[in-house]
Every structure is written in C-alpha cells, then in structure tokens.
C-alpha atoms as a PDB file:
ATOM      1  CA  MET A   1     220.861 154.805 117.923  1.00  0.00           C
ATOM      2  CA  ALA A   2     220.529 158.593 118.090  1.00  0.00           C
ATOM      3  CA  ILE A   3     223.387 160.655 119.458  1.00  0.00           C
ATOM      4  CA  LEU A   4     222.431 163.320 121.976  1.00  0.00           C
ATOM      5  CA  GLU A   5     224.159 166.640 121.314  1.00  0.00           C
ATOM      6  CA  THR A   6     223.891 169.299 123.993  1.00  0.00           C
ATOM      7  CA  LYS A   7     224.096 173.070 123.569  1.00  0.00           C
ATOM      8  CA  ALA A   8     227.522 172.836 125.224  1.00  0.00           C
ATOM      9  CA  ASP A   9     228.615 170.416 122.467  1.00  0.00           C
ATOM     10  CA  GLN A  10     227.224 172.775 119.841  1.00  0.00           C
ATOM     11  CA  LEU A  11     229.005 175.742 121.420  1.00  0.00           C
ATOM     12  CA  MET A  12     232.299 173.839 121.469  1.00  0.00           C
ATOM     13  CA  ALA A  13     231.864 173.048 117.762  1.00  0.00           C
ATOM     14  CA  VAL A  14     231.198 176.725 116.975  1.00  0.00           C
ATOM     15  CA  ILE A  15     234.282 177.816 118.943  1.00  0.00           C
ATOM     16  CA  ASP A  16     236.473 175.139 117.328  1.00  0.00           C
ATOM     17  CA  ARG A  17     235.281 176.181 113.873  1.00  0.00           C
ATOM     18  CA  ASN A  18     235.749 179.929 114.412  1.00  0.00           C
ATOM     19  CA  LYS A  19     238.702 179.832 116.861  1.00  0.00           C
ATOM     20  CA  SER A  20     237.488 183.151 118.323  1.00  0.00           C
ATOM     21  CA  LEU A  21     234.063 184.765 118.514  1.00  0.00           C
ATOM     22  CA  THR A  22     232.007 186.899 120.859  1.00  0.00           C
ATOM     23  CA  SER A  23     229.252 185.572 123.078  1.00  0.00           C
ATOM     24  CA  LYS A  24     226.822 187.639 120.991  1.00  0.00           C
ATOM     25  CA  GLN A  25     227.965 185.955 117.759  1.00  0.00           C
ATOM     26  CA  ALA A  26     227.762 182.511 119.353  1.00  0.00           C
ATOM     27  CA  ALA A  27     224.270 183.209 120.704  1.00  0.00           C
ATOM     28  CA  LYS A  28     223.048 184.229 117.263  1.00  0.00           C
ATOM     29  CA  GLU A  29     224.533 181.128 115.648  1.00  0.00           C
ATOM     30  CA  LEU A  30     223.044 178.784 118.266  1.00  0.00           C
ATOM     31  CA  GLY A  31     219.684 180.547 118.533  1.00  0.00           C
ATOM     32  CA  VAL A  32     219.962 181.121 122.290  1.00  0.00           C
ATOM     33  CA  THR A  33     220.404 184.148 124.520  1.00  0.00           C
ATOM     34  CA  GLU A  34     223.772 185.747 125.080  1.00  0.00           C
ATOM     35  CA  ASP A  35     223.359 185.175 128.832  1.00  0.00           C
ATOM     36  CA  TYR A  36     222.942 181.440 128.187  1.00  0.00           C
ATOM     37  CA  VAL A  37     226.118 181.379 126.083  1.00  0.00           C
ATOM     38  CA  ARG A  38     228.003 183.242 128.820  1.00  0.00           C
ATOM     39  CA  ARG A  39     226.941 180.675 131.432  1.00  0.00           C
ATOM     40  CA  LEU A  40     227.915 177.768 129.172  1.00  0.00           C
ATOM     41  CA  ALA A  41     231.229 179.434 128.320  1.00  0.00           C
ATOM     42  CA  GLU A  42     232.093 179.969 131.982  1.00  0.00           C
ATOM     43  CA  THR A  43     231.442 176.280 132.667  1.00  0.00           C
ATOM     44  CA  LEU A  44     233.561 175.233 129.681  1.00  0.00           C
ATOM     45  CA  GLN A  45     236.365 177.516 130.867  1.00  0.00           C
ATOM     46  CA  LYS A  46     236.237 176.141 134.426  1.00  0.00           C
ATOM     47  CA  ASN A  47     236.664 172.670 132.936  1.00  0.00           C
ATOM     48  CA  GLY A  48     239.683 173.791 130.886  1.00  0.00           C
ATOM     49  CA  LEU A  49     238.005 173.369 127.508  1.00  0.00           C
ATOM     50  CA  ILE A  50     238.093 176.983 126.249  1.00  0.00           C
ATOM     51  CA  ASP A  51     239.632 180.323 127.119  1.00  0.00           C
ATOM     52  CA  LEU A  52     237.687 183.520 127.737  1.00  0.00           C
ATOM     53  CA  LYS A  53     238.734 187.127 127.225  1.00  0.00           C
ATOM     54  CA  ALA A  54     236.543 189.738 128.861  1.00  0.00           C
ATOM     55  CA  SER A  55     236.497 193.441 128.143  1.00  0.00           C
ATOM     56  CA  ALA A  56     234.133 196.148 129.349  1.00  0.00           C
ATOM     57  CA  PHE A  57     231.230 195.121 127.101  1.00  0.00           C
ATOM     58  CA  THR A  58     232.325 191.956 125.299  1.00  0.00           C
ATOM     59  CA  LEU A  59     233.096 188.367 126.205  1.00  0.00           C
ATOM     60  CA  THR A  60     235.251 186.646 123.603  1.00  0.00           C
ATOM     61  CA  LEU A  61     235.281 182.854 123.472  1.00  0.00           C
ATOM     62  CA  LEU A  62     238.570 181.364 122.340  1.00  0.00           C
ATOM     63  CA  ALA A  63     239.521 177.839 121.289  1.00  0.00           C
ATOM     64  CA  LYS A  64     242.281 176.433 123.471  1.00  0.00           C
ATOM     65  CA  GLN A  65     245.704 176.693 121.861  1.00  0.00           C
ATOM     66  CA  GLY A  66     246.453 173.500 119.954  1.00  0.00           C
ATOM     67  CA  SER A  67     242.770 172.776 119.245  1.00  0.00           C
END
C-alpha cells in the first residue's frame, strides 16, 4: 500500500532536518512557490507544529523546541 505524503509533510521534514530556514529556501527545496510555503507554514504554526519568525522581508521557519 502506497503512503500519501503531502507538501505539508514534506515541509515539516525539511524544517525538522534544517531546524531553521527561510520560506525562500524551503520553496526552492520543495519546488514550489514561496507564497505556497508561507501559506503552509502559517497553517502549521496555527496548529502548533512549527514556529515562525518574521522580519521586514523574510519569513523564517523554525522547528519547535524539543523536535
């Protein structure tokens, strides 16, 4: 039986592996737009799965402490 892996699952794996990366870096690694990564990241944050750090021009995706 095949296991379905979503882009959200893939993004979580990238964040867990890197611990911290920008939405631009994540988009490049996943082959999607930065806007798509930002939307996924906001959903993951709302569900308590990751932390986000925003600055003027950059959104940094952070693995939750203890991950």
